[in-house]
Amino acid sequence: MPKHKFIQRSDLNITYHPLVLELCANDKIKERQHNASELLDTQQVTLGIEQITLSVTIDPSDSNRYLLLEKKPLFFLLSQHPAARNTKVHLNIYSNDECESVILGLNLIFPAINHFFTASMLNNLYCRLKQQHNINTSVALTKRYLAKLAQVLPSAIRARSIKENHRG
């Protein structure tokens, strides 16, 4: 069982665990820079970081540094925003004996399960945006704004046909 801790982002010294780096060495990632720090306001950055829990272990060679047990690109992206320095980060701290099992679960098992739910995310964004306009929320988001955040063309956020939704 992990220990739980909250730490100020500005005080957090963190790097990836060597096994995570090795396991994810051939990950396909987008090479372009993301400009979320220009697109998100302080409230959205704070909310985003508050929703992220980092699974870590204490670095055996430096007790002031944590080793991250899973890829968390969203955390590092949000951390670039100036407002991130003032946020509290939630840590789940695992013992070194638990690391391999936790790393395999967080980087292989749960992403495989999560893919089932996220394969249609752009379609879901389209449907949610349409619903948001129907219920007249006080904040009106646009397809163009969501497309900038997703780094896709606005036309990619669309209703998918039944044929497109079928996965065999």
N, C-alpha and C. Protein backbone atom coordinates (compact mmCIF):
# COMPACT_ATOMS: atom_id res chain seq x y z
N MET A 1 0.84 -1.18 0.00
CA MET A 1 0.00 0.00 0.00
C MET A 1 0.88 1.25 0.00
N PRO A 2 0.53 2.22 -0.82
CA PRO A 2 1.35 3.44 -0.85
C PRO A 2 1.05 4.36 0.32
N LYS A 3 2.02 5.20 0.60
CA LYS A 3 1.81 6.31 1.53
C LYS A 3 1.35 7.49 0.68
N HIS A 4 0.55 8.35 1.24
CA HIS A 4 0.03 9.50 0.51
C HIS A 4 0.66 10.78 1.06
N LYS A 5 0.97 11.70 0.13
CA LYS A 5 1.60 12.95 0.54
C LYS A 5 1.22 14.03 -0.46
N PHE A 6 1.08 15.24 0.03
CA PHE A 6 0.89 16.41 -0.82
C PHE A 6 2.14 17.26 -0.69
N ILE A 7 2.62 17.75 -1.83
CA ILE A 7 3.83 18.56 -1.84
C ILE A 7 3.65 19.72 -2.82
N GLN A 8 4.20 20.85 -2.49
CA GLN A 8 4.16 22.02 -3.37
C GLN A 8 4.92 21.68 -4.65
N ARG A 9 4.35 22.01 -5.81
CA ARG A 9 5.00 21.69 -7.09
C ARG A 9 6.40 22.28 -7.15
N SER A 10 6.56 23.48 -6.65
CA SER A 10 7.88 24.14 -6.70
C SER A 10 8.93 23.40 -5.87
N ASP A 11 8.50 22.58 -4.91
CA ASP A 11 9.42 21.82 -4.06
C ASP A 11 9.65 20.39 -4.55
N LEU A 12 8.94 20.00 -5.59
CA LEU A 12 9.00 18.62 -6.07
C LEU A 12 10.19 18.40 -6.99
N ASN A 13 11.06 17.48 -6.60
CA ASN A 13 12.20 17.08 -7.43
C ASN A 13 11.87 15.68 -7.94
N ILE A 14 11.61 15.57 -9.24
CA ILE A 14 11.10 14.31 -9.77
C ILE A 14 11.72 14.00 -11.13
N THR A 15 11.94 12.72 -11.36
CA THR A 15 12.40 12.23 -12.66
C THR A 15 11.80 10.85 -12.86
N TYR A 16 11.86 10.34 -14.07
CA TYR A 16 11.29 9.02 -14.33
C TYR A 16 12.18 7.91 -13.76
N HIS A 17 11.54 6.87 -13.28
CA HIS A 17 12.23 5.66 -12.82
C HIS A 17 12.94 5.04 -14.03
N PRO A 18 14.14 4.50 -13.87
CA PRO A 18 14.87 3.91 -15.01
C PRO A 18 14.07 2.83 -15.75
N LEU A 19 13.29 2.02 -15.03
CA LEU A 19 12.50 0.98 -15.69
C LEU A 19 11.41 1.60 -16.58
N VAL A 20 10.83 2.70 -16.15
CA VAL A 20 9.82 3.39 -16.96
C VAL A 20 10.48 3.91 -18.25
N LEU A 21 11.65 4.51 -18.12
CA LEU A 21 12.36 5.01 -19.29
C LEU A 21 12.68 3.90 -20.27
N GLU A 22 13.12 2.76 -19.74
CA GLU A 22 13.45 1.63 -20.60
C GLU A 22 12.20 1.03 -21.25
N LEU A 23 11.16 0.86 -20.47
CA LEU A 23 9.91 0.28 -20.95
C LEU A 23 9.28 1.14 -22.03
N CYS A 24 9.36 2.45 -21.89
CA CYS A 24 8.69 3.39 -22.80
C CYS A 24 9.63 4.00 -23.83
N ALA A 25 10.83 3.44 -23.97
CA ALA A 25 11.84 4.01 -24.87
C ALA A 25 11.36 4.11 -26.32
N ASN A 26 10.52 3.21 -26.76
CA ASN A 26 10.06 3.22 -28.15
C ASN A 26 8.64 3.76 -28.31
N ASP A 27 8.15 4.46 -27.30
CA ASP A 27 6.82 5.06 -27.40
C ASP A 27 6.78 6.03 -28.58
N LYS A 28 5.67 6.04 -29.26
CA LYS A 28 5.44 7.00 -30.34
C LYS A 28 4.82 8.23 -29.70
N ILE A 29 5.52 9.32 -29.76
CA ILE A 29 5.02 10.56 -29.18
C ILE A 29 5.05 11.64 -30.25
N LYS A 30 4.24 12.64 -30.07
CA LYS A 30 4.22 13.75 -31.00
C LYS A 30 5.44 14.61 -30.73
N GLU A 31 6.16 14.93 -31.79
CA GLU A 31 7.41 15.67 -31.65
C GLU A 31 7.20 17.17 -31.49
N ARG A 32 6.03 17.66 -31.82
CA ARG A 32 5.83 19.11 -31.75
C ARG A 32 5.55 19.56 -30.33
N GLN A 33 5.84 20.82 -30.08
CA GLN A 33 5.58 21.42 -28.78
C GLN A 33 4.10 21.72 -28.63
N HIS A 34 3.61 21.62 -27.44
CA HIS A 34 2.21 21.95 -27.16
C HIS A 34 2.19 23.31 -26.47
N ASN A 35 1.23 24.15 -26.83
CA ASN A 35 1.17 25.50 -26.26
C ASN A 35 0.06 25.64 -25.22
N ALA A 36 -0.14 24.64 -24.42
CA ALA A 36 -1.20 24.67 -23.41
C ALA A 36 -1.02 25.83 -22.44
N SER A 37 0.22 26.19 -22.14
CA SER A 37 0.43 27.28 -21.19
C SER A 37 -0.13 28.60 -21.72
N GLU A 38 -0.27 28.72 -23.02
CA GLU A 38 -0.86 29.92 -23.60
C GLU A 38 -2.39 29.80 -23.69
N LEU A 39 -2.90 28.58 -23.72
CA LEU A 39 -4.32 28.36 -23.95
C LEU A 39 -5.13 28.20 -22.67
N LEU A 40 -4.46 27.80 -21.58
CA LEU A 40 -5.18 27.54 -20.33
C LEU A 40 -4.99 28.66 -19.33
N ASP A 41 -6.03 28.95 -18.60
CA ASP A 41 -5.91 29.96 -17.55
C ASP A 41 -5.46 29.29 -16.25
N THR A 42 -5.19 30.09 -15.26
CA THR A 42 -4.69 29.61 -13.98
C THR A 42 -5.62 28.58 -13.35
N GLN A 43 -6.91 28.83 -13.41
CA GLN A 43 -7.89 27.92 -12.81
C GLN A 43 -7.84 26.55 -13.48
N GLN A 44 -7.72 26.51 -14.80
CA GLN A 44 -7.69 25.23 -15.51
C GLN A 44 -6.39 24.46 -15.22
N VAL A 45 -5.28 25.18 -15.13
CA VAL A 45 -4.00 24.52 -14.81
C VAL A 45 -4.06 23.94 -13.40
N THR A 46 -4.56 24.72 -12.46
CA THR A 46 -4.68 24.25 -11.07
C THR A 46 -5.59 23.03 -11.00
N LEU A 47 -6.73 23.11 -11.65
CA LEU A 47 -7.67 21.98 -11.67
C LEU A 47 -7.01 20.74 -12.26
N GLY A 48 -6.30 20.91 -13.38
CA GLY A 48 -5.64 19.78 -14.03
C GLY A 48 -4.63 19.10 -13.13
N ILE A 49 -3.78 19.89 -12.48
CA ILE A 49 -2.75 19.32 -11.60
C ILE A 49 -3.38 18.68 -10.37
N GLU A 50 -4.45 19.29 -9.85
CA GLU A 50 -5.12 18.72 -8.68
C GLU A 50 -5.73 17.35 -8.99
N GLN A 51 -6.05 17.07 -10.24
CA GLN A 51 -6.66 15.80 -10.62
C GLN A 51 -5.65 14.70 -10.87
N ILE A 52 -4.38 15.05 -10.94
CA ILE A 52 -3.33 14.08 -11.25
C ILE A 52 -2.68 13.60 -9.96
N THR A 53 -2.64 12.30 -9.79
CA THR A 53 -1.90 11.69 -8.69
C THR A 53 -0.66 11.05 -9.28
N LEU A 54 0.49 11.36 -8.73
CA LEU A 54 1.75 10.80 -9.22
C LEU A 54 2.14 9.60 -8.37
N SER A 55 2.35 8.48 -9.02
CA SER A 55 2.85 7.28 -8.35
C SER A 55 4.36 7.32 -8.41
N VAL A 56 4.99 7.31 -7.24
CA VAL A 56 6.43 7.51 -7.16
C VAL A 56 7.05 6.56 -6.14
N THR A 57 8.37 6.53 -6.17
CA THR A 57 9.16 5.92 -5.11
C THR A 57 10.26 6.90 -4.78
N ILE A 58 10.83 6.79 -3.60
CA ILE A 58 11.94 7.67 -3.24
C ILE A 58 13.19 7.14 -3.91
N ASP A 59 13.93 8.02 -4.54
CA ASP A 59 15.17 7.65 -5.22
C ASP A 59 16.16 7.13 -4.17
N PRO A 60 16.62 5.87 -4.32
CA PRO A 60 17.55 5.32 -3.33
C PRO A 60 18.89 6.06 -3.26
N SER A 61 19.26 6.76 -4.33
CA SER A 61 20.54 7.48 -4.33
C SER A 61 20.39 8.94 -3.91
N ASP A 62 19.14 9.43 -3.77
CA ASP A 62 18.92 10.82 -3.37
C ASP A 62 17.55 10.90 -2.70
N SER A 63 17.54 10.94 -1.38
CA SER A 63 16.27 10.89 -0.64
C SER A 63 15.41 12.14 -0.83
N ASN A 64 15.94 13.16 -1.50
CA ASN A 64 15.17 14.37 -1.78
C ASN A 64 14.53 14.34 -3.18
N ARG A 65 14.67 13.23 -3.87
CA ARG A 65 14.14 13.13 -5.23
C ARG A 65 13.21 11.92 -5.32
N TYR A 66 12.16 12.09 -6.10
CA TYR A 66 11.21 11.01 -6.35
C TYR A 66 11.40 10.47 -7.76
N LEU A 67 11.16 9.17 -7.90
CA LEU A 67 11.19 8.52 -9.21
C LEU A 67 9.76 8.22 -9.62
N LEU A 68 9.34 8.75 -10.75
CA LEU A 68 7.99 8.60 -11.25
C LEU A 68 7.82 7.21 -11.88
N LEU A 69 6.75 6.53 -11.52
CA LEU A 69 6.55 5.14 -11.92
C LEU A 69 5.68 4.98 -13.17
N GLU A 70 5.27 6.07 -13.77
CA GLU A 70 4.49 5.99 -15.02
C GLU A 70 4.70 7.25 -15.83
N LYS A 71 4.43 7.15 -17.11
CA LYS A 71 4.52 8.31 -17.99
C LYS A 71 3.38 9.26 -17.63
N LYS A 72 3.69 10.52 -17.45
CA LYS A 72 2.70 11.53 -17.10
C LYS A 72 2.97 12.80 -17.91
N PRO A 73 2.84 12.73 -19.23
CA PRO A 73 3.14 13.91 -20.04
C PRO A 73 2.22 15.10 -19.73
N LEU A 74 0.97 14.84 -19.37
CA LEU A 74 0.06 15.93 -19.05
C LEU A 74 0.54 16.70 -17.82
N PHE A 75 1.05 16.00 -16.83
CA PHE A 75 1.57 16.66 -15.63
C PHE A 75 2.73 17.59 -16.00
N PHE A 76 3.67 17.10 -16.81
CA PHE A 76 4.82 17.92 -17.17
C PHE A 76 4.41 19.08 -18.07
N LEU A 77 3.43 18.87 -18.91
CA LEU A 77 2.91 19.95 -19.75
C LEU A 77 2.28 21.04 -18.90
N LEU A 78 1.40 20.67 -17.98
CA LEU A 78 0.76 21.64 -17.10
C LEU A 78 1.77 22.33 -16.18
N SER A 79 2.82 21.61 -15.81
CA SER A 79 3.84 22.17 -14.92
C SER A 79 4.63 23.31 -15.55
N GLN A 80 4.56 23.44 -16.87
CA GLN A 80 5.25 24.53 -17.54
C GLN A 80 4.56 25.88 -17.34
N HIS A 81 3.30 25.84 -16.96
CA HIS A 81 2.54 27.06 -16.75
C HIS A 81 3.01 27.72 -15.46
N PRO A 82 3.17 29.04 -15.44
CA PRO A 82 3.64 29.72 -14.22
C PRO A 82 2.78 29.44 -12.98
N ALA A 83 1.49 29.24 -13.16
CA ALA A 83 0.60 28.99 -12.02
C ALA A 83 0.86 27.64 -11.37
N ALA A 84 1.51 26.73 -12.07
CA ALA A 84 1.74 25.38 -11.54
C ALA A 84 2.63 25.38 -10.31
N ARG A 85 3.52 26.34 -10.21
CA ARG A 85 4.45 26.38 -9.08
C ARG A 85 3.72 26.46 -7.74
N ASN A 86 2.53 27.04 -7.73
CA ASN A 86 1.79 27.25 -6.49
C ASN A 86 0.80 26.14 -6.18
N THR A 87 0.78 25.09 -6.98
CA THR A 87 -0.18 24.02 -6.75
C THR A 87 0.41 22.93 -5.87
N LYS A 88 -0.49 22.21 -5.22
CA LYS A 88 -0.10 21.05 -4.43
C LYS A 88 -0.24 19.81 -5.31
N VAL A 89 0.75 18.95 -5.25
CA VAL A 89 0.76 17.73 -6.04
C VAL A 89 0.54 16.54 -5.09
N HIS A 90 -0.35 15.65 -5.50
CA HIS A 90 -0.65 14.46 -4.70
C HIS A 90 0.27 13.33 -5.13
N LEU A 91 0.98 12.75 -4.18
CA LEU A 91 1.89 11.64 -4.44
C LEU A 91 1.38 10.37 -3.77
N ASN A 92 1.46 9.26 -4.49
CA ASN A 92 1.34 7.93 -3.91
C ASN A 92 2.77 7.39 -3.88
N ILE A 93 3.30 7.19 -2.69
CA ILE A 93 4.70 6.79 -2.54
C ILE A 93 4.78 5.29 -2.25
N TYR A 94 5.38 4.56 -3.18
CA TYR A 94 5.52 3.11 -3.07
C TYR A 94 6.92 2.75 -2.61
N SER A 95 7.04 1.59 -1.97
CA SER A 95 8.36 1.10 -1.58
C SER A 95 9.09 0.61 -2.83
N ASN A 96 10.39 0.52 -2.73
CA ASN A 96 11.18 0.04 -3.87
C ASN A 96 10.81 -1.39 -4.25
N ASP A 97 10.37 -2.19 -3.28
CA ASP A 97 9.97 -3.57 -3.54
C ASP A 97 8.72 -3.66 -4.41
N GLU A 98 7.88 -2.65 -4.38
CA GLU A 98 6.62 -2.65 -5.13
C GLU A 98 6.76 -2.08 -6.55
N CYS A 99 7.88 -1.45 -6.84
CA CYS A 99 8.02 -0.67 -8.07
C CYS A 99 7.74 -1.44 -9.35
N GLU A 100 8.32 -2.60 -9.52
CA GLU A 100 8.15 -3.33 -10.79
C GLU A 100 6.68 -3.64 -11.05
N SER A 101 5.99 -4.14 -10.07
CA SER A 101 4.57 -4.46 -10.23
C SER A 101 3.75 -3.22 -10.54
N VAL A 102 4.03 -2.13 -9.84
CA VAL A 102 3.30 -0.87 -10.06
C VAL A 102 3.60 -0.34 -11.46
N ILE A 103 4.85 -0.35 -11.87
CA ILE A 103 5.24 0.14 -13.20
C ILE A 103 4.55 -0.66 -14.30
N LEU A 104 4.51 -1.97 -14.18
CA LEU A 104 3.85 -2.80 -15.21
C LEU A 104 2.35 -2.53 -15.25
N GLY A 105 1.75 -2.37 -14.08
CA GLY A 105 0.32 -2.07 -14.04
C GLY A 105 0.00 -0.72 -14.65
N LEU A 106 0.76 0.30 -14.27
CA LEU A 106 0.47 1.66 -14.72
C LEU A 106 0.86 1.93 -16.17
N ASN A 107 1.85 1.21 -16.69
CA ASN A 107 2.33 1.49 -18.04
C ASN A 107 1.88 0.49 -19.09
N LEU A 108 1.36 -0.66 -18.68
CA LEU A 108 0.91 -1.66 -19.64
C LEU A 108 -0.54 -2.09 -19.41
N ILE A 109 -0.84 -2.55 -18.22
CA ILE A 109 -2.16 -3.12 -17.97
C ILE A 109 -3.26 -2.07 -18.04
N PHE A 110 -3.14 -0.99 -17.28
CA PHE A 110 -4.20 0.01 -17.25
C PHE A 110 -4.32 0.79 -18.56
N PRO A 111 -3.23 1.11 -19.26
CA PRO A 111 -3.40 1.74 -20.58
C PRO A 111 -4.15 0.83 -21.57
N ALA A 112 -3.93 -0.47 -21.47
CA ALA A 112 -4.66 -1.39 -22.36
C ALA A 112 -6.16 -1.33 -22.07
N ILE A 113 -6.52 -1.32 -20.80
CA ILE A 113 -7.94 -1.23 -20.43
C ILE A 113 -8.49 0.16 -20.79
N ASN A 114 -7.72 1.20 -20.52
CA ASN A 114 -8.17 2.57 -20.77
C ASN A 114 -8.43 2.82 -22.26
N HIS A 115 -7.70 2.16 -23.13
CA HIS A 115 -7.90 2.34 -24.57
C HIS A 115 -9.34 2.03 -24.96
N PHE A 116 -9.94 1.06 -24.33
CA PHE A 116 -11.33 0.70 -24.61
C PHE A 116 -12.25 1.91 -24.43
N PHE A 117 -11.96 2.74 -23.44
CA PHE A 117 -12.82 3.87 -23.12
C PHE A 117 -12.46 5.15 -23.88
N THR A 118 -11.23 5.26 -24.36
CA THR A 118 -10.79 6.52 -24.95
C THR A 118 -10.62 6.50 -26.46
N ALA A 119 -10.85 5.38 -27.11
CA ALA A 119 -10.64 5.30 -28.55
C ALA A 119 -11.51 6.28 -29.32
N SER A 120 -12.64 6.66 -28.77
CA SER A 120 -13.56 7.58 -29.45
C SER A 120 -13.58 8.96 -28.80
N MET A 121 -12.47 9.39 -28.26
CA MET A 121 -12.46 10.64 -27.50
C MET A 121 -12.85 11.86 -28.34
N LEU A 122 -12.39 11.96 -29.58
CA LEU A 122 -12.76 13.13 -30.39
C LEU A 122 -14.26 13.13 -30.67
N ASN A 123 -14.83 11.96 -30.89
CA ASN A 123 -16.28 11.85 -31.07
C ASN A 123 -16.99 12.26 -29.77
N ASN A 124 -16.48 11.81 -28.64
CA ASN A 124 -17.07 12.17 -27.36
C ASN A 124 -16.98 13.68 -27.11
N LEU A 125 -15.87 14.29 -27.49
CA LEU A 125 -15.74 15.74 -27.34
C LEU A 125 -16.80 16.46 -28.18
N TYR A 126 -17.02 15.97 -29.38
CA TYR A 126 -18.05 16.56 -30.25
C TYR A 126 -19.42 16.49 -29.57
N CYS A 127 -19.76 15.31 -29.07
CA CYS A 127 -21.06 15.12 -28.42
C CYS A 127 -21.19 15.96 -27.15
N ARG A 128 -20.13 16.02 -26.35
CA ARG A 128 -20.15 16.80 -25.12
C ARG A 128 -20.27 18.30 -25.42
N LEU A 129 -19.56 18.76 -26.44
CA LEU A 129 -19.62 20.17 -26.82
C LEU A 129 -21.03 20.54 -27.28
N LYS A 130 -21.63 19.64 -28.05
CA LYS A 130 -23.00 19.87 -28.52
C LYS A 130 -23.96 19.94 -27.32
N GLN A 131 -23.78 19.03 -26.36
CA GLN A 131 -24.60 19.03 -25.15
C GLN A 131 -24.38 20.31 -24.34
N GLN A 132 -23.12 20.74 -24.25
CA GLN A 132 -22.80 21.94 -23.50
C GLN A 132 -23.55 23.14 -24.08
N HIS A 133 -23.62 23.23 -25.40
CA HIS A 133 -24.35 24.33 -26.04
C HIS A 133 -25.85 24.20 -25.79
N ASN A 134 -26.36 22.97 -25.74
CA ASN A 134 -27.80 22.74 -25.50
C ASN A 134 -28.22 23.11 -24.08
N ILE A 135 -27.33 22.93 -23.11
CA ILE A 135 -27.70 23.21 -21.73
C ILE A 135 -27.30 24.61 -21.28
N ASN A 136 -26.70 25.39 -22.17
CA ASN A 136 -26.37 26.79 -21.91
C ASN A 136 -25.55 27.00 -20.63
N THR A 137 -24.38 26.40 -20.58
CA THR A 137 -23.49 26.64 -19.44
C THR A 137 -22.97 28.07 -19.48
N SER A 138 -22.48 28.56 -18.38
CA SER A 138 -22.01 29.96 -18.32
C SER A 138 -20.71 30.17 -19.10
N VAL A 139 -19.94 29.11 -19.29
CA VAL A 139 -18.71 29.19 -20.08
C VAL A 139 -18.99 28.50 -21.41
N ALA A 140 -18.81 29.22 -22.49
CA ALA A 140 -19.06 28.65 -23.82
C ALA A 140 -17.74 28.25 -24.47
N LEU A 141 -17.48 26.97 -24.49
CA LEU A 141 -16.29 26.47 -25.16
C LEU A 141 -16.59 26.30 -26.65
N THR A 142 -15.55 26.37 -27.46
CA THR A 142 -15.73 26.22 -28.90
C THR A 142 -14.97 25.01 -29.42
N LYS A 143 -15.40 24.53 -30.56
CA LYS A 143 -14.71 23.41 -31.20
C LYS A 143 -13.28 23.83 -31.55
N ARG A 144 -13.10 25.06 -31.97
CA ARG A 144 -11.77 25.56 -32.33
C ARG A 144 -10.82 25.52 -31.12
N TYR A 145 -11.31 25.92 -29.96
CA TYR A 145 -10.50 25.91 -28.73
C TYR A 145 -10.13 24.48 -28.36
N LEU A 146 -11.10 23.57 -28.37
CA LEU A 146 -10.81 22.17 -28.04
C LEU A 146 -9.84 21.56 -29.04
N ALA A 147 -9.98 21.91 -30.31
CA ALA A 147 -9.08 21.40 -31.34
C ALA A 147 -7.65 21.89 -31.10
N LYS A 148 -7.51 23.15 -30.67
CA LYS A 148 -6.17 23.66 -30.35
C LYS A 148 -5.56 22.86 -29.20
N LEU A 149 -6.36 22.57 -28.17
CA LEU A 149 -5.85 21.79 -27.04
C LEU A 149 -5.48 20.38 -27.46
N ALA A 150 -6.29 19.78 -28.34
CA ALA A 150 -6.02 18.41 -28.80
C ALA A 150 -4.98 18.38 -29.91
N GLN A 151 -4.64 19.55 -30.43
CA GLN A 151 -3.71 19.71 -31.54
C GLN A 151 -4.17 18.91 -32.76
N VAL A 152 -5.44 19.11 -33.08
CA VAL A 152 -6.04 18.53 -34.29
C VAL A 152 -6.80 19.64 -35.01
N LEU A 153 -7.18 19.37 -36.23
CA LEU A 153 -8.04 20.31 -36.94
C LEU A 153 -9.43 20.27 -36.32
N PRO A 154 -10.14 21.39 -36.31
CA PRO A 154 -11.50 21.38 -35.76
C PRO A 154 -12.40 20.33 -36.42
N SER A 155 -12.17 20.03 -37.68
CA SER A 155 -12.98 19.02 -38.37
C SER A 155 -12.78 17.61 -37.82
N ALA A 156 -11.71 17.39 -37.06
CA ALA A 156 -11.48 16.06 -36.45
C ALA A 156 -12.42 15.82 -35.28
N ILE A 157 -12.95 16.89 -34.71
CA ILE A 157 -13.92 16.76 -33.62
C ILE A 157 -15.29 16.73 -34.27
N ARG A 158 -15.76 15.51 -34.50
CA ARG A 158 -17.01 15.34 -35.25
C ARG A 158 -17.70 14.07 -34.81
N ALA A 159 -18.97 13.98 -35.21
CA ALA A 159 -19.73 12.75 -34.97
C ALA A 159 -19.20 11.69 -35.92
N ARG A 160 -19.00 10.52 -35.40
CA ARG A 160 -18.49 9.42 -36.23
C ARG A 160 -19.66 8.56 -36.68
N SER A 161 -19.48 7.98 -37.83
CA SER A 161 -20.51 7.10 -38.35
C SER A 161 -20.49 5.77 -37.59
N ILE A 162 -21.53 5.00 -37.74
CA ILE A 162 -21.60 3.69 -37.10
C ILE A 162 -20.45 2.81 -37.57
N LYS A 163 -20.12 2.90 -38.86
CA LYS A 163 -19.02 2.12 -39.42
C LYS A 163 -17.70 2.50 -38.76
N GLU A 164 -17.46 3.81 -38.54
CA GLU A 164 -16.24 4.25 -37.89
C GLU A 164 -16.16 3.81 -36.45
N ASN A 165 -17.30 3.73 -35.78
CA ASN A 165 -17.33 3.33 -34.38
C ASN A 165 -17.13 1.84 -34.17
N HIS A 166 -17.38 1.04 -35.19
CA HIS A 166 -17.25 -0.41 -35.06
C HIS A 166 -15.78 -0.80 -35.02
N ARG A 167 -15.46 -1.59 -34.00
CA ARG A 167 -14.08 -2.13 -33.91
C ARG A 167 -14.19 -3.64 -33.83
N GLY A 168 -13.56 -4.28 -34.79
CA GLY A 168 -13.66 -5.74 -34.87
C GLY A 168 -12.65 -6.47 -34.24
